[in-house]
Amino acid sequence: MKGRIALLVGGAVGYVLGTRAGRQRYEQIKSQAQRVWDNPKVQQKKAQAQDYAKEKAPEVQHKVADAAAGAAAAAKDKVGKSTDSGTVHTSDPADPSSPTYETSVSTPHAG
């Protein structure tokens, strides 16, 4: 359903922009958008948003790193028991007498 809507919207936009009147309207919209972007108040707010993002970036980075570490630990728990050596011990849970296999696992290290 989303693909059909996107196709219809894309076709309509292409049709409008392909016509002479559509091209003129596009140029009008483009020039209006440029005037808004060049407005000193808009530029001031843009600078404030950039400063705020730079200020909060280390805090967000720390939270993302913590969440990634937690997700990695949860994934390891789901996959199977692992040791510090990077070896995962697996066996067939349906057959208690099945042998345990050791598989070496390579995990990326954050630098």
PDB file of N, CA and C in Angstrom:
ATOM      1  N   MET A   1       0.824  -1.194   0.000  1.00  0.00           N
ATOM      2  CA  MET A   1       0.000   0.000   0.000  1.00  0.00           C
ATOM      3  C   MET A   1       0.869   1.259   0.000  1.00  0.00           C
ATOM      4  N   LYS A   2       1.935   1.267   0.829  1.00  0.00           N
ATOM      5  CA  LYS A   2       2.816   2.433   0.868  1.00  0.00           C
ATOM      6  C   LYS A   2       3.512   2.628  -0.472  1.00  0.00           C
ATOM      7  N   GLY A   3       3.871   1.529  -1.118  1.00  0.00           N
ATOM      8  CA  GLY A   3       4.539   1.618  -2.412  1.00  0.00           C
ATOM      9  C   GLY A   3       3.652   2.251  -3.462  1.00  0.00           C
ATOM     10  N   ARG A   4       2.383   1.909  -3.440  1.00  0.00           N
ATOM     11  CA  ARG A   4       1.445   2.482  -4.413  1.00  0.00           C
ATOM     12  C   ARG A   4       1.277   3.974  -4.185  1.00  0.00           C
ATOM     13  N   ILE A   5       1.164   4.358  -2.898  1.00  0.00           N
ATOM     14  CA  ILE A   5       0.994   5.777  -2.580  1.00  0.00           C
ATOM     15  C   ILE A   5       2.235   6.547  -3.006  1.00  0.00           C
ATOM     16  N   ALA A   6       3.406   6.005  -2.705  1.00  0.00           N
ATOM     17  CA  ALA A   6       4.650   6.677  -3.084  1.00  0.00           C
ATOM     18  C   ALA A   6       4.748   6.815  -4.598  1.00  0.00           C
ATOM     19  N   LEU A   7       4.346   5.781  -5.320  1.00  0.00           N
ATOM     20  CA  LEU A   7       4.376   5.835  -6.775  1.00  0.00           C
ATOM     21  C   LEU A   7       3.426   6.914  -7.302  1.00  0.00           C
ATOM     22  N   LEU A   8       2.233   6.984  -6.740  1.00  0.00           N
ATOM     23  CA  LEU A   8       1.272   7.994  -7.183  1.00  0.00           C
ATOM     24  C   LEU A   8       1.765   9.401  -6.868  1.00  0.00           C
ATOM     25  N   VAL A   9       2.298   9.590  -5.660  1.00  0.00           N
ATOM     26  CA  VAL A   9       2.804  10.917  -5.279  1.00  0.00           C
ATOM     27  C   VAL A   9       3.980  11.293  -6.179  1.00  0.00           C
ATOM     28  N   GLY A  10       4.889  10.356  -6.395  1.00  0.00           N
ATOM     29  CA  GLY A  10       6.033  10.625  -7.264  1.00  0.00           C
ATOM     30  C   GLY A  10       5.592  10.965  -8.678  1.00  0.00           C
ATOM     31  N   GLY A  11       4.620  10.234  -9.184  1.00  0.00           N
ATOM     32  CA  GLY A  11       4.112  10.516 -10.523  1.00  0.00           C
ATOM     33  C   GLY A  11       3.455  11.889 -10.614  1.00  0.00           C
ATOM     34  N   ALA A  12       2.684  12.238  -9.595  1.00  0.00           N
ATOM     35  CA  ALA A  12       2.021  13.543  -9.583  1.00  0.00           C
ATOM     36  C   ALA A  12       3.043  14.667  -9.501  1.00  0.00           C
ATOM     37  N   VAL A  13       4.042  14.511  -8.646  1.00  0.00           N
ATOM     38  CA  VAL A  13       5.076  15.536  -8.521  1.00  0.00           C
ATOM     39  C   VAL A  13       5.831  15.666  -9.840  1.00  0.00           C
ATOM     40  N   GLY A  14       6.187  14.557 -10.445  1.00  0.00           N
ATOM     41  CA  GLY A  14       6.884  14.592 -11.723  1.00  0.00           C
ATOM     42  C   GLY A  14       6.068  15.257 -12.805  1.00  0.00           C
ATOM     43  N   TYR A  15       4.777  14.967 -12.826  1.00  0.00           N
ATOM     44  CA  TYR A  15       3.897  15.577 -13.825  1.00  0.00           C
ATOM     45  C   TYR A  15       3.837  17.083 -13.638  1.00  0.00           C
ATOM     46  N   VAL A  16       3.631  17.506 -12.383  1.00  0.00           N
ATOM     47  CA  VAL A  16       3.500  18.940 -12.111  1.00  0.00           C
ATOM     48  C   VAL A  16       4.801  19.664 -12.423  1.00  0.00           C
ATOM     49  N   LEU A  17       5.924  19.089 -12.001  1.00  0.00           N
ATOM     50  CA  LEU A  17       7.197  19.747 -12.242  1.00  0.00           C
ATOM     51  C   LEU A  17       7.580  19.700 -13.722  1.00  0.00           C
ATOM     52  N   GLY A  18       7.052  18.740 -14.443  1.00  0.00           N
ATOM     53  CA  GLY A  18       7.364  18.619 -15.865  1.00  0.00           C
ATOM     54  C   GLY A  18       6.606  19.593 -16.731  1.00  0.00           C
ATOM     55  N   THR A  19       5.516  20.093 -16.253  1.00  0.00           N
ATOM     56  CA  THR A  19       4.758  21.058 -17.047  1.00  0.00           C
ATOM     57  C   THR A  19       5.327  22.454 -16.846  1.00  0.00           C
ATOM     58  N   ARG A  20       5.080  23.321 -17.798  1.00  0.00           N
ATOM     59  CA  ARG A  20       5.610  24.689 -17.714  1.00  0.00           C
ATOM     60  C   ARG A  20       5.051  25.417 -16.491  1.00  0.00           C
ATOM     61  N   ALA A  21       3.737  25.337 -16.282  1.00  0.00           N
ATOM     62  CA  ALA A  21       3.129  26.000 -15.126  1.00  0.00           C
ATOM     63  C   ALA A  21       3.664  25.396 -13.834  1.00  0.00           C
ATOM     64  N   GLY A  22       3.856  24.094 -13.848  1.00  0.00           N
ATOM     65  CA  GLY A  22       4.393  23.431 -12.659  1.00  0.00           C
ATOM     66  C   GLY A  22       5.803  23.882 -12.370  1.00  0.00           C
ATOM     67  N   ARG A  23       6.600  24.065 -13.395  1.00  0.00           N
ATOM     68  CA  ARG A  23       7.978  24.519 -13.214  1.00  0.00           C
ATOM     69  C   ARG A  23       8.003  25.935 -12.651  1.00  0.00           C
ATOM     70  N   GLN A  24       7.107  26.796 -13.143  1.00  0.00           N
ATOM     71  CA  GLN A  24       7.038  28.165 -12.623  1.00  0.00           C
ATOM     72  C   GLN A  24       6.639  28.153 -11.146  1.00  0.00           C
ATOM     73  N   ARG A  25       5.685  27.318 -10.823  1.00  0.00           N
ATOM     74  CA  ARG A  25       5.243  27.229  -9.417  1.00  0.00           C
ATOM     75  C   ARG A  25       6.372  26.692  -8.555  1.00  0.00           C
ATOM     76  N   TYR A  26       7.099  25.719  -9.063  1.00  0.00           N
ATOM     77  CA  TYR A  26       8.240  25.165  -8.336  1.00  0.00           C
ATOM     78  C   TYR A  26       9.260  26.262  -8.045  1.00  0.00           C
ATOM     79  N   GLU A  27       9.543  27.091  -9.035  1.00  0.00           N
ATOM     80  CA  GLU A  27      10.509  28.179  -8.852  1.00  0.00           C
ATOM     81  C   GLU A  27      10.009  29.178  -7.814  1.00  0.00           C
ATOM     82  N   GLN A  28       8.693  29.444  -7.796  1.00  0.00           N
ATOM     83  CA  GLN A  28       8.126  30.345  -6.796  1.00  0.00           C
ATOM     84  C   GLN A  28       8.312  29.760  -5.392  1.00  0.00           C
ATOM     85  N   ILE A  29       7.994  28.493  -5.239  1.00  0.00           N
ATOM     86  CA  ILE A  29       8.120  27.839  -3.936  1.00  0.00           C
ATOM     87  C   ILE A  29       9.578  27.823  -3.496  1.00  0.00           C
ATOM     88  N   LYS A  30      10.458  27.544  -4.434  1.00  0.00           N
ATOM     89  CA  LYS A  30      11.879  27.491  -4.126  1.00  0.00           C
ATOM     90  C   LYS A  30      12.390  28.857  -3.664  1.00  0.00           C
ATOM     91  N   SER A  31      11.995  29.917  -4.337  1.00  0.00           N
ATOM     92  CA  SER A  31      12.462  31.252  -3.952  1.00  0.00           C
ATOM     93  C   SER A  31      11.878  31.671  -2.607  1.00  0.00           C
ATOM     94  N   GLN A  32      10.633  31.315  -2.338  1.00  0.00           N
ATOM     95  CA  GLN A  32      10.034  31.619  -1.034  1.00  0.00           C
ATOM     96  C   GLN A  32      10.755  30.865   0.079  1.00  0.00           C
ATOM     97  N   ALA A  33      11.067  29.616  -0.154  1.00  0.00           N
ATOM     98  CA  ALA A  33      11.782  28.821   0.841  1.00  0.00           C
ATOM     99  C   ALA A  33      13.170  29.406   1.092  1.00  0.00           C
ATOM    100  N   GLN A  34      13.833  29.874   0.038  1.00  0.00           N
ATOM    101  CA  GLN A  34      15.158  30.471   0.192  1.00  0.00           C
ATOM    102  C   GLN A  34      15.084  31.758   1.000  1.00  0.00           C
ATOM    103  N   ARG A  35      14.042  32.563   0.772  1.00  0.00           N
ATOM    104  CA  ARG A  35      13.867  33.802   1.548  1.00  0.00           C
ATOM    105  C   ARG A  35      13.660  33.485   3.021  1.00  0.00           C
ATOM    106  N   VAL A  36      12.863  32.483   3.315  1.00  0.00           N
ATOM    107  CA  VAL A  36      12.642  32.085   4.714  1.00  0.00           C
ATOM    108  C   VAL A  36      13.958  31.604   5.325  1.00  0.00           C
ATOM    109  N   TRP A  37      14.690  30.779   4.595  1.00  0.00           N
ATOM    110  CA  TRP A  37      15.952  30.237   5.118  1.00  0.00           C
ATOM    111  C   TRP A  37      16.970  31.360   5.380  1.00  0.00           C
ATOM    112  N   ASP A  38      16.985  32.376   4.539  1.00  0.00           N
ATOM    113  CA  ASP A  38      17.926  33.479   4.683  1.00  0.00           C
ATOM    114  C   ASP A  38      17.502  34.504   5.741  1.00  0.00           C
ATOM    115  N   ASN A  39      16.317  34.373   6.297  1.00  0.00           N
ATOM    116  CA  ASN A  39      15.819  35.280   7.319  1.00  0.00           C
ATOM    117  C   ASN A  39      16.748  35.231   8.536  1.00  0.00           C
ATOM    118  N   PRO A  40      17.178  36.384   9.061  1.00  0.00           N
ATOM    119  CA  PRO A  40      18.092  36.396  10.210  1.00  0.00           C
ATOM    120  C   PRO A  40      17.541  35.664  11.443  1.00  0.00           C
ATOM    121  N   LYS A  41      16.237  35.738  11.680  1.00  0.00           N
ATOM    122  CA  LYS A  41      15.657  35.038  12.831  1.00  0.00           C
ATOM    123  C   LYS A  41      15.778  33.526  12.662  1.00  0.00           C
ATOM    124  N   VAL A  42      15.569  33.045  11.442  1.00  0.00           N
ATOM    125  CA  VAL A  42      15.699  31.611  11.174  1.00  0.00           C
ATOM    126  C   VAL A  42      17.156  31.190  11.355  1.00  0.00           C
ATOM    127  N   GLN A  43      18.086  31.998  10.870  1.00  0.00           N
ATOM    128  CA  GLN A  43      19.501  31.676  11.020  1.00  0.00           C
ATOM    129  C   GLN A  43      19.923  31.688  12.482  1.00  0.00           C
ATOM    130  N   GLN A  44      19.355  32.610  13.268  1.00  0.00           N
ATOM    131  CA  GLN A  44      19.657  32.660  14.695  1.00  0.00           C
ATOM    132  C   GLN A  44      19.153  31.386  15.387  1.00  0.00           C
ATOM    133  N   LYS A  45      17.959  30.971  15.068  1.00  0.00           N
ATOM    134  CA  LYS A  45      17.408  29.746  15.668  1.00  0.00           C
ATOM    135  C   LYS A  45      18.204  28.524  15.217  1.00  0.00           C
ATOM    136  N   LYS A  46      18.661  28.519  13.976  1.00  0.00           N
ATOM    137  CA  LYS A  46      19.485  27.409  13.483  1.00  0.00           C
ATOM    138  C   LYS A  46      20.779  27.326  14.281  1.00  0.00           C
ATOM    139  N   ALA A  47      21.402  28.476  14.522  1.00  0.00           N
ATOM    140  CA  ALA A  47      22.650  28.506  15.298  1.00  0.00           C
ATOM    141  C   ALA A  47      22.412  28.034  16.729  1.00  0.00           C
ATOM    142  N   GLN A  48      21.300  28.442  17.314  1.00  0.00           N
ATOM    143  CA  GLN A  48      20.967  27.999  18.675  1.00  0.00           C
ATOM    144  C   GLN A  48      20.770  26.487  18.713  1.00  0.00           C
ATOM    145  N   ALA A  49      20.096  25.943  17.717  1.00  0.00           N
ATOM    146  CA  ALA A  49      19.870  24.493  17.662  1.00  0.00           C
ATOM    147  C   ALA A  49      21.194  23.751  17.504  1.00  0.00           C
ATOM    148  N   GLN A  50      22.095  24.271  16.683  1.00  0.00           N
ATOM    149  CA  GLN A  50      23.409  23.644  16.501  1.00  0.00           C
ATOM    150  C   GLN A  50      24.204  23.672  17.804  1.00  0.00           C
ATOM    151  N   ASP A  51      24.192  24.813  18.497  1.00  0.00           N
ATOM    152  CA  ASP A  51      24.913  24.925  19.762  1.00  0.00           C
ATOM    153  C   ASP A  51      24.357  23.948  20.797  1.00  0.00           C
ATOM    154  N   TYR A  52      23.042  23.850  20.852  1.00  0.00           N
ATOM    155  CA  TYR A  52      22.402  22.931  21.793  1.00  0.00           C
ATOM    156  C   TYR A  52      22.786  21.483  21.479  1.00  0.00           C
ATOM    157  N   ALA A  53      22.785  21.137  20.200  1.00  0.00           N
ATOM    158  CA  ALA A  53      23.145  19.775  19.799  1.00  0.00           C
ATOM    159  C   ALA A  53      24.598  19.477  20.164  1.00  0.00           C
ATOM    160  N   LYS A  54      25.494  20.439  19.951  1.00  0.00           N
ATOM    161  CA  LYS A  54      26.903  20.247  20.310  1.00  0.00           C
ATOM    162  C   LYS A  54      27.069  20.082  21.823  1.00  0.00           C
ATOM    163  N   GLU A  55      26.283  20.825  22.571  1.00  0.00           N
ATOM    164  CA  GLU A  55      26.346  20.758  24.032  1.00  0.00           C
ATOM    165  C   GLU A  55      25.873  19.396  24.545  1.00  0.00           C
ATOM    166  N   LYS A  56      24.840  18.869  23.951  1.00  0.00           N
ATOM    167  CA  LYS A  56      24.241  17.616  24.426  1.00  0.00           C
ATOM    168  C   LYS A  56      24.864  16.370  23.796  1.00  0.00           C
ATOM    169  N   ALA A  57      25.685  16.523  22.786  1.00  0.00           N
ATOM    170  CA  ALA A  57      26.236  15.373  22.064  1.00  0.00           C
ATOM    171  C   ALA A  57      26.988  14.393  22.970  1.00  0.00           C
ATOM    172  N   PRO A  58      27.874  14.829  23.872  1.00  0.00           N
ATOM    173  CA  PRO A  58      28.578  13.856  24.720  1.00  0.00           C
ATOM    174  C   PRO A  58      27.629  13.057  25.615  1.00  0.00           C
ATOM    175  N   GLU A  59      26.607  13.720  26.135  1.00  0.00           N
ATOM    176  CA  GLU A  59      25.634  13.037  26.988  1.00  0.00           C
ATOM    177  C   GLU A  59      24.858  11.987  26.193  1.00  0.00           C
ATOM    178  N   VAL A  60      24.432  12.348  25.016  1.00  0.00           N
ATOM    179  CA  VAL A  60      23.696  11.417  24.161  1.00  0.00           C
ATOM    180  C   VAL A  60      24.601  10.262  23.743  1.00  0.00           C
ATOM    181  N   GLN A  61      25.850  10.563  23.414  1.00  0.00           N
ATOM    182  CA  GLN A  61      26.800   9.529  23.019  1.00  0.00           C
ATOM    183  C   GLN A  61      26.980   8.511  24.143  1.00  0.00           C
ATOM    184  N   HIS A  62      27.078   8.996  25.370  1.00  0.00           N
ATOM    185  CA  HIS A  62      27.244   8.104  26.525  1.00  0.00           C
ATOM    186  C   HIS A  62      26.023   7.203  26.687  1.00  0.00           C
ATOM    187  N   LYS A  63      24.834   7.777  26.559  1.00  0.00           N
ATOM    188  CA  LYS A  63      23.605   6.996  26.702  1.00  0.00           C
ATOM    189  C   LYS A  63      23.482   5.949  25.602  1.00  0.00           C
ATOM    190  N   VAL A  64      23.859   6.313  24.386  1.00  0.00           N
ATOM    191  CA  VAL A  64      23.796   5.366  23.272  1.00  0.00           C
ATOM    192  C   VAL A  64      24.788   4.227  23.487  1.00  0.00           C
ATOM    193  N   ALA A  65      25.982   4.561  23.964  1.00  0.00           N
ATOM    194  CA  ALA A  65      26.990   3.527  24.213  1.00  0.00           C
ATOM    195  C   ALA A  65      26.517   2.564  25.306  1.00  0.00           C
ATOM    196  N   ASP A  66      25.910   3.091  26.356  1.00  0.00           N
ATOM    197  CA  ASP A  66      25.383   2.239  27.421  1.00  0.00           C
ATOM    198  C   ASP A  66      24.267   1.330  26.901  1.00  0.00           C
ATOM    199  N   ALA A  67      23.396   1.884  26.086  1.00  0.00           N
ATOM    200  CA  ALA A  67      22.296   1.085  25.528  1.00  0.00           C
ATOM    201  C   ALA A  67      22.837   0.003  24.603  1.00  0.00           C
ATOM    202  N   ALA A  68      23.860   0.322  23.821  1.00  0.00           N
ATOM    203  CA  ALA A  68      24.443  -0.668  22.917  1.00  0.00           C
ATOM    204  C   ALA A  68      25.111  -1.787  23.707  1.00  0.00           C
ATOM    205  N   ALA A  69      25.794  -1.438  24.782  1.00  0.00           N
ATOM    206  CA  ALA A  69      26.435  -2.457  25.611  1.00  0.00           C
ATOM    207  C   ALA A  69      25.385  -3.361  26.240  1.00  0.00           C
ATOM    208  N   GLY A  70      24.294  -2.784  26.697  1.00  0.00           N
ATOM    209  CA  GLY A  70      23.212  -3.585  27.274  1.00  0.00           C
ATOM    210  C   GLY A  70      22.576  -4.503  26.245  1.00  0.00           C
ATOM    211  N   ALA A  71      22.409  -4.003  25.044  1.00  0.00           N
ATOM    212  CA  ALA A  71      21.829  -4.820  23.974  1.00  0.00           C
ATOM    213  C   ALA A  71      22.768  -5.962  23.602  1.00  0.00           C
ATOM    214  N   ALA A  72      24.069  -5.682  23.575  1.00  0.00           N
ATOM    215  CA  ALA A  72      25.040  -6.727  23.255  1.00  0.00           C
ATOM    216  C   ALA A  72      25.030  -7.808  24.327  1.00  0.00           C
ATOM    217  N   ALA A  73      24.949  -7.402  25.580  1.00  0.00           N
ATOM    218  CA  ALA A  73      24.900  -8.381  26.673  1.00  0.00           C
ATOM    219  C   ALA A  73      23.627  -9.216  26.594  1.00  0.00           C
ATOM    220  N   ALA A  74      22.523  -8.590  26.286  1.00  0.00           N
ATOM    221  CA  ALA A  74      21.263  -9.323  26.164  1.00  0.00           C
ATOM    222  C   ALA A  74      21.315 -10.295  24.991  1.00  0.00           C
ATOM    223  N   ALA A  75      21.939  -9.881  23.890  1.00  0.00           N
ATOM    224  CA  ALA A  75      22.060 -10.768  22.733  1.00  0.00           C
ATOM    225  C   ALA A  75      22.938 -11.961  23.067  1.00  0.00           C
ATOM    226  N   LYS A  76      24.022 -11.746  23.792  1.00  0.00           N
ATOM    227  CA  LYS A  76      24.885 -12.855  24.195  1.00  0.00           C
ATOM    228  C   LYS A  76      24.124 -13.838  25.074  1.00  0.00           C
ATOM    229  N   ASP A  77      23.304 -13.318  25.980  1.00  0.00           N
ATOM    230  CA  ASP A  77      22.516 -14.186  26.849  1.00  0.00           C
ATOM    231  C   ASP A  77      21.525 -15.016  26.047  1.00  0.00           C
ATOM    232  N   LYS A  78      20.955 -14.416  25.012  1.00  0.00           N
ATOM    233  CA  LYS A  78      19.987 -15.146  24.185  1.00  0.00           C
ATOM    234  C   LYS A  78      20.659 -16.213  23.339  1.00  0.00           C
ATOM    235  N   VAL A  79      21.858 -15.919  22.832  1.00  0.00           N
ATOM    236  CA  VAL A  79      22.558 -16.849  21.947  1.00  0.00           C
ATOM    237  C   VAL A  79      23.027 -18.071  22.715  1.00  0.00           C
ATOM    238  N   GLY A  80      23.555 -17.885  23.851  1.00  0.00           N
ATOM    239  CA  GLY A  80      24.034 -19.016  24.645  1.00  0.00           C
ATOM    240  C   GLY A  80      25.047 -18.547  25.646  1.00  0.00           C
ATOM    241  N   LYS A  81      25.535 -19.479  26.436  1.00  0.00           N
ATOM    242  CA  LYS A  81      26.524 -19.144  27.441  1.00  0.00           C
ATOM    243  C   LYS A  81      27.837 -18.848  26.745  1.00  0.00           C
ATOM    244  N   SER A  82      28.512 -17.811  27.189  1.00  0.00           N
ATOM    245  CA  SER A  82      29.799 -17.478  26.604  1.00  0.00           C
ATOM    246  C   SER A  82      30.813 -17.275  27.711  1.00  0.00           C
ATOM    247  N   THR A  83      32.073 -17.420  27.366  1.00  0.00           N
ATOM    248  CA  THR A  83      33.147 -17.193  28.319  1.00  0.00           C
ATOM    249  C   THR A  83      33.907 -15.964  27.893  1.00  0.00           C
ATOM    250  N   ASP A  84      34.809 -15.514  28.715  1.00  0.00           N
ATOM    251  CA  ASP A  84      35.597 -14.343  28.378  1.00  0.00           C
ATOM    252  C   ASP A  84      36.520 -14.608  27.198  1.00  0.00           C
ATOM    253  N   SER A  85      36.788 -15.872  26.901  1.00  0.00           N
ATOM    254  CA  SER A  85      37.694 -16.192  25.795  1.00  0.00           C
ATOM    255  C   SER A  85      37.029 -16.033  24.443  1.00  0.00           C
ATOM    256  N   GLY A  86      35.739 -15.762  24.424  1.00  0.00           N
ATOM    257  CA  GLY A  86      35.045 -15.591  23.160  1.00  0.00           C
ATOM    258  C   GLY A  86      34.525 -16.902  22.593  1.00  0.00           C
ATOM    259  N   THR A  87      34.436 -17.940  23.422  1.00  0.00           N
ATOM    260  CA  THR A  87      33.943 -19.228  22.973  1.00  0.00           C
ATOM    261  C   THR A  87      32.497 -19.399  23.430  1.00  0.00           C
ATOM    262  N   VAL A  88      31.641 -19.813  22.532  1.00  0.00           N
ATOM    263  CA  VAL A  88      30.244 -20.051  22.852  1.00  0.00           C
ATOM    264  C   VAL A  88      30.023 -21.553  22.917  1.00  0.00           C
ATOM    265  N   HIS A  89      29.423 -22.020  24.006  1.00  0.00           N
ATOM    266  CA  HIS A  89      29.139 -23.431  24.188  1.00  0.00           C
ATOM    267  C   HIS A  89      27.685 -23.679  23.804  1.00  0.00           C
ATOM    268  N   THR A  90      27.473 -24.580  22.860  1.00  0.00           N
ATOM    269  CA  THR A  90      26.124 -24.881  22.422  1.00  0.00           C
ATOM    270  C   THR A  90      25.893 -26.375  22.419  1.00  0.00           C
ATOM    271  N   SER A  91      24.654 -26.758  22.578  1.00  0.00           N
ATOM    272  CA  SER A  91      24.263 -28.160  22.476  1.00  0.00           C
ATOM    273  C   SER A  91      22.819 -28.185  22.021  1.00  0.00           C
ATOM    274  N   ASP A  92      22.327 -29.367  21.729  1.00  0.00           N
ATOM    275  CA  ASP A  92      20.946 -29.505  21.289  1.00  0.00           C
ATOM    276  C   ASP A  92      20.062 -29.555  22.527  1.00  0.00           C
ATOM    277  N   PRO A  93      19.251 -28.520  22.791  1.00  0.00           N
ATOM    278  CA  PRO A  93      18.429 -28.515  24.001  1.00  0.00           C
ATOM    279  C   PRO A  93      17.370 -29.617  24.005  1.00  0.00           C
ATOM    280  N   ALA A  94      17.015 -30.115  22.827  1.00  0.00           N
ATOM    281  CA  ALA A  94      16.004 -31.176  22.759  1.00  0.00           C
ATOM    282  C   ALA A  94      16.595 -32.526  23.153  1.00  0.00           C
ATOM    283  N   ASP A  95      17.918 -32.668  23.095  1.00  0.00           N
ATOM    284  CA  ASP A  95      18.577 -33.931  23.405  1.00  0.00           C
ATOM    285  C   ASP A  95      19.614 -33.702  24.493  1.00  0.00           C
ATOM    286  N   PRO A  96      19.269 -34.027  25.752  1.00  0.00           N
ATOM    287  CA  PRO A  96      20.197 -33.781  26.858  1.00  0.00           C
ATOM    288  C   PRO A  96      21.509 -34.549  26.730  1.00  0.00           C
ATOM    289  N   SER A  97      21.513 -35.618  25.972  1.00  0.00           N
ATOM    290  CA  SER A  97      22.736 -36.399  25.839  1.00  0.00           C
ATOM    291  C   SER A  97      23.614 -35.923  24.685  1.00  0.00           C
ATOM    292  N   SER A  98      23.172 -34.852  23.973  1.00  0.00           N
ATOM    293  CA  SER A  98      23.947 -34.380  22.826  1.00  0.00           C
ATOM    294  C   SER A  98      25.244 -33.743  23.310  1.00  0.00           C
ATOM    295  N   PRO A  99      26.286 -33.860  22.496  1.00  0.00           N
ATOM    296  CA  PRO A  99      27.566 -33.271  22.888  1.00  0.00           C
ATOM    297  C   PRO A  99      27.512 -31.749  22.839  1.00  0.00           C
ATOM    298  N   THR A 100      28.382 -31.130  23.591  1.00  0.00           N
ATOM    299  CA  THR A 100      28.493 -29.680  23.585  1.00  0.00           C
ATOM    300  C   THR A 100      29.575 -29.288  22.593  1.00  0.00           C
ATOM    301  N   TYR A 101      29.258 -28.324  21.760  1.00  0.00           N
ATOM    302  CA  TYR A 101      30.200 -27.856  20.753  1.00  0.00           C
ATOM    303  C   TYR A 101      30.718 -26.491  21.168  1.00  0.00           C
ATOM    304  N   GLU A 102      31.980 -26.255  20.914  1.00  0.00           N
ATOM    305  CA  GLU A 102      32.557 -24.946  21.191  1.00  0.00           C
ATOM    306  C   GLU A 102      32.803 -24.240  19.871  1.00  0.00           C
ATOM    307  N   THR A 103      32.359 -23.012  19.813  1.00  0.00           N
ATOM    308  CA  THR A 103      32.531 -22.210  18.609  1.00  0.00           C
ATOM    309  C   THR A 103      33.194 -20.907  19.005  1.00  0.00           C
ATOM    310  N   SER A 104      34.235 -20.532  18.300  1.00  0.00           N
ATOM    311  CA  SER A 104      34.912 -19.281  18.568  1.00  0.00           C
ATOM    312  C   SER A 104      34.089 -18.143  17.990  1.00  0.00           C
ATOM    313  N   VAL A 105      33.914 -17.099  18.783  1.00  0.00           N
ATOM    314  CA  VAL A 105      33.108 -15.958  18.364  1.00  0.00           C
ATOM    315  C   VAL A 105      33.976 -14.741  18.338  1.00  0.00           C
ATOM    316  N   SER A 106      33.930 -14.014  17.240  1.00  0.00           N
ATOM    317  CA  SER A 106      34.683 -12.776  17.123  1.00  0.00           C
ATOM    318  C   SER A 106      33.735 -11.625  17.391  1.00  0.00           C
ATOM    319  N   THR A 107      34.056 -10.811  18.377  1.00  0.00           N
ATOM    320  CA  THR A 107      33.213  -9.662  18.673  1.00  0.00           C
ATOM    321  C   THR A 107      34.007  -8.391  18.459  1.00  0.00           C
ATOM    322  N   PRO A 108      33.386  -7.381  17.865  1.00  0.00           N
ATOM    323  CA  PRO A 108      34.096  -6.125  17.633  1.00  0.00           C
ATOM    324  C   PRO A 108      34.334  -5.404  18.956  1.00  0.00           C
ATOM    325  N   HIS A 109      35.450  -4.746  19.055  1.00  0.00           N
ATOM    326  CA  HIS A 109      35.778  -3.986  20.248  1.00  0.00           C
ATOM    327  C   HIS A 109      35.695  -2.507  19.928  1.00  0.00           C
ATOM    328  N   ALA A 110      35.026  -1.772  20.809  1.00  0.00           N
ATOM    329  CA  ALA A 110      34.914  -0.331  20.611  1.00  0.00           C
ATOM    330  C   ALA A 110      36.261   0.323  20.877  1.00  0.00           C
ATOM    331  N   GLY A 111      36.614   1.257  20.056  1.00  0.00           N
ATOM    332  CA  GLY A 111      37.929   1.890  20.173  1.00  0.00           C
ATOM    333  C   GLY A 111      37.840   3.281  20.515  1.00  0.00           C
TER     334      GLY A 111
END
